[in-house]
């Protein structure tokens, strides 16, 4: 699916999508209504895995202002997230001190693409890319109203000026 109107399959708020938490049970995305959320497909064995540190710093810096990072484990890119839920949780906590929520491991591309990513992939980033997720650590900023407001490439560091500016704009609005 590739669109250029920045709506994707946005038949409702991204936060209306049902997805489970990493450790089971509902991740209850609706609880983030009214907050800014940075959705990131994550992996433990990727060259970009050190981005967990920047993601956690964003979480710590802005959580009290109504912001959260939402990590979405995915094993579709060279098998770089092979672990079980318990292994992923332990790795994130022990290696990077992750405190932000993590969802169940899902597919972000292809026929098995999760509904969450169906709603995200139509949004165009600053370079004009829309459609399939390119790699681990692609980032989507969800505004307080539950709509996608920005998309950032996997190589964009979590604390890059464009990400921080976009987050702060959502928190100010």
Protein backbone atom coordinates (compact mmCIF):
# COMPACT_ATOMS: atom_id res chain seq x y z
CA UNK A 1 0.00 0.00 0.00
CA UNK A 2 1.46 3.33 -1.01
CA UNK A 3 -0.38 6.61 -0.74
CA UNK A 4 0.81 10.17 -0.84
CA UNK A 5 -2.03 11.89 0.95
CA UNK A 6 -0.70 11.14 4.44
CA UNK A 7 -3.83 9.33 5.47
CA UNK A 8 -2.87 5.68 5.02
CA UNK A 9 -5.66 3.37 6.14
CA UNK A 10 -6.59 5.90 8.77
CA UNK A 11 -10.22 4.97 9.28
CA UNK A 12 -9.84 6.07 12.89
CA UNK A 13 -7.22 6.97 15.41
CA UNK A 14 -4.05 4.91 15.36
CA UNK A 15 -4.74 4.47 19.06
CA UNK A 16 -7.96 2.57 18.30
CA UNK A 17 -5.98 -0.40 16.98
CA UNK A 18 -5.90 -3.49 19.17
CA UNK A 19 -2.47 -4.91 19.90
CA UNK A 20 -1.14 -6.98 22.76
CA UNK A 21 1.58 -5.97 25.18
CA UNK A 22 4.90 -7.80 24.98
CA UNK A 23 4.22 -9.76 28.16
CA UNK A 24 0.62 -10.55 27.20
CA UNK A 25 -2.73 -8.90 27.60
CA UNK A 26 -3.86 -5.79 25.77
CA UNK A 27 -1.40 -2.94 25.22
CA UNK A 28 -4.51 -0.69 25.43
CA UNK A 29 -3.28 2.04 23.11
CA UNK A 30 -6.39 4.07 23.89
CA UNK A 31 -4.80 5.00 27.21
CA UNK A 32 -2.40 7.21 25.23
CA UNK A 33 -5.23 9.35 23.84
CA UNK A 34 -4.34 12.98 24.40
CA UNK A 35 -0.62 12.18 24.44
CA UNK A 36 2.10 12.22 21.82
CA UNK A 37 3.41 8.74 20.99
CA UNK A 38 6.54 7.78 19.06
CA UNK A 39 5.90 4.34 17.55
CA UNK A 40 9.13 2.54 16.62
CA UNK A 41 9.64 -0.95 15.19
CA UNK A 42 12.53 -2.27 17.26
CA UNK A 43 15.01 -5.16 17.13
CA UNK A 44 17.66 -6.43 19.53
CA UNK A 45 20.29 -7.60 17.05
CA UNK A 46 20.44 -4.72 14.57
CA UNK A 47 23.16 -2.20 13.85
CA UNK A 48 20.62 0.44 14.88
CA UNK A 49 19.81 -1.24 18.22
CA UNK A 50 21.82 1.39 20.15
CA UNK A 51 18.95 3.76 19.29
CA UNK A 52 17.22 2.22 22.32
CA UNK A 53 19.39 4.57 24.42
CA UNK A 54 18.09 7.68 22.66
CA UNK A 55 14.53 6.40 22.76
CA UNK A 56 14.79 5.87 26.50
CA UNK A 57 16.23 9.37 26.98
CA UNK A 58 13.26 10.81 25.04
CA UNK A 59 10.94 8.80 27.29
CA UNK A 60 12.60 10.12 30.43
CA UNK A 61 12.74 13.72 29.17
CA UNK A 62 9.12 14.05 28.00
CA UNK A 63 7.01 11.41 29.80
CA UNK A 64 5.79 13.84 32.44
CA UNK A 65 4.56 16.16 29.67
CA UNK A 66 2.29 13.56 28.05
CA UNK A 67 4.65 11.63 25.78
CA UNK A 68 5.60 8.00 25.40
CA UNK A 69 7.75 5.88 23.16
CA UNK A 70 6.02 2.68 22.06
CA UNK A 71 8.43 -0.06 20.99
CA UNK A 72 7.08 -2.60 18.53
CA UNK A 73 9.37 -5.63 18.16
CA UNK A 74 9.61 -7.04 14.64
CA UNK A 75 11.65 -9.93 13.24
CA UNK A 76 11.10 -9.22 9.52
CA UNK A 77 14.50 -7.68 8.79
CA UNK A 78 17.18 -10.39 8.56
CA UNK A 79 15.79 -12.09 11.68
CA UNK A 80 17.18 -9.36 13.93
CA UNK A 81 14.53 -9.84 16.65
CA UNK A 82 14.47 -13.62 17.14
CA UNK A 83 13.83 -13.64 20.89
CA UNK A 84 10.80 -14.63 22.89
CA UNK A 85 8.80 -11.99 24.71
CA UNK A 86 10.75 -12.73 27.89
CA UNK A 87 14.11 -12.50 26.10
CA UNK A 88 13.17 -9.20 24.44
CA UNK A 89 11.98 -7.70 27.73
CA UNK A 90 15.12 -8.82 29.55
CA UNK A 91 17.43 -7.52 26.80
CA UNK A 92 15.73 -4.11 26.69
CA UNK A 93 15.70 -3.70 30.44
CA UNK A 94 19.17 -5.05 31.22
CA UNK A 95 21.03 -3.61 28.24
CA UNK A 96 19.33 -0.24 27.72
CA UNK A 97 17.26 0.35 30.86
CA UNK A 98 14.11 0.60 28.77
CA UNK A 99 11.07 1.76 30.73
CA UNK A 100 8.77 2.59 27.81
CA UNK A 101 6.07 0.10 26.81
CA UNK A 102 6.69 -2.67 24.30
CA UNK A 103 4.05 -4.48 22.27
CA UNK A 104 3.91 -8.04 21.11
CA UNK A 105 6.23 -8.96 18.23
CA UNK A 106 4.42 -8.29 14.95
CA UNK A 107 4.90 -8.05 11.20
CA UNK A 108 5.13 -4.53 9.81
CA UNK A 109 5.22 -5.45 6.09
CA UNK A 110 3.61 -7.97 3.76
CA UNK A 111 0.37 -9.90 3.93
CA UNK A 112 0.74 -10.41 7.69
CA UNK A 113 1.16 -6.67 8.37
CA UNK A 114 -0.47 -5.75 11.67
CA UNK A 115 -3.39 -3.31 11.60
CA UNK A 116 -1.28 -0.76 13.48
CA UNK A 117 1.15 -0.57 10.58
CA UNK A 118 -1.69 -0.58 8.05
CA UNK A 119 -2.60 2.77 9.56
CA UNK A 120 0.99 4.05 9.63
CA UNK A 121 2.60 3.14 6.31
CA UNK A 122 0.64 5.56 4.14
CA UNK A 123 2.21 8.57 5.83
CA UNK A 124 4.97 10.26 3.81
CA UNK A 125 8.25 11.20 5.48
CA UNK A 126 10.35 14.30 4.74
CA UNK A 127 12.19 12.46 1.95
CA UNK A 128 8.94 11.50 0.24
CA UNK A 129 8.93 7.84 1.32
CA UNK A 130 5.65 6.14 2.09
CA UNK A 131 4.64 2.52 2.03
CA UNK A 132 6.59 -0.41 3.41
CA UNK A 133 8.78 -0.05 6.46
CA UNK A 134 12.39 0.11 5.24
CA UNK A 135 14.21 -1.29 8.25
CA UNK A 136 14.21 -1.58 12.03
CA UNK A 137 13.79 1.66 13.99
CA UNK A 138 11.55 3.52 11.54
CA UNK A 139 9.67 6.07 13.64
CA UNK A 140 6.14 7.49 13.52
CA UNK A 141 5.01 10.36 15.71
CA UNK A 142 1.36 10.15 16.66
CA UNK A 143 -0.25 13.43 17.72
CA UNK A 144 -2.50 13.97 20.70
CA UNK A 145 -5.53 13.37 18.46
CA UNK A 146 -4.31 9.89 17.46
CA UNK A 147 -3.26 10.80 13.90
CA UNK A 148 0.18 10.39 12.36
CA UNK A 149 1.98 13.73 12.26
CA UNK A 150 5.53 12.72 11.27
CA UNK A 151 7.55 9.79 9.92
CA UNK A 152 11.30 9.43 10.33
CA UNK A 153 13.70 7.07 8.58
CA UNK A 154 15.37 4.26 10.49
CA UNK A 155 18.71 6.08 10.38
CA UNK A 156 17.28 9.20 12.03
CA UNK A 157 18.50 9.17 15.61
CA UNK A 158 15.76 9.45 18.23
CA UNK A 159 17.27 12.65 19.61
CA UNK A 160 17.84 14.27 16.20
CA UNK A 161 16.69 17.88 16.01
CA UNK A 162 13.80 17.06 13.66
CA UNK A 163 12.42 14.41 16.02
CA UNK A 164 12.78 16.55 19.15
CA UNK A 165 11.22 19.55 17.38
CA UNK A 166 8.25 17.46 16.23
CA UNK A 167 7.74 15.94 19.70
CA UNK A 168 7.94 19.33 21.39
CA UNK A 169 5.47 20.81 18.89
CA UNK A 170 2.95 18.10 19.80
CA UNK A 171 3.48 18.64 23.50
CA UNK A 172 3.06 22.41 23.13
CA UNK A 173 -0.13 22.07 21.08
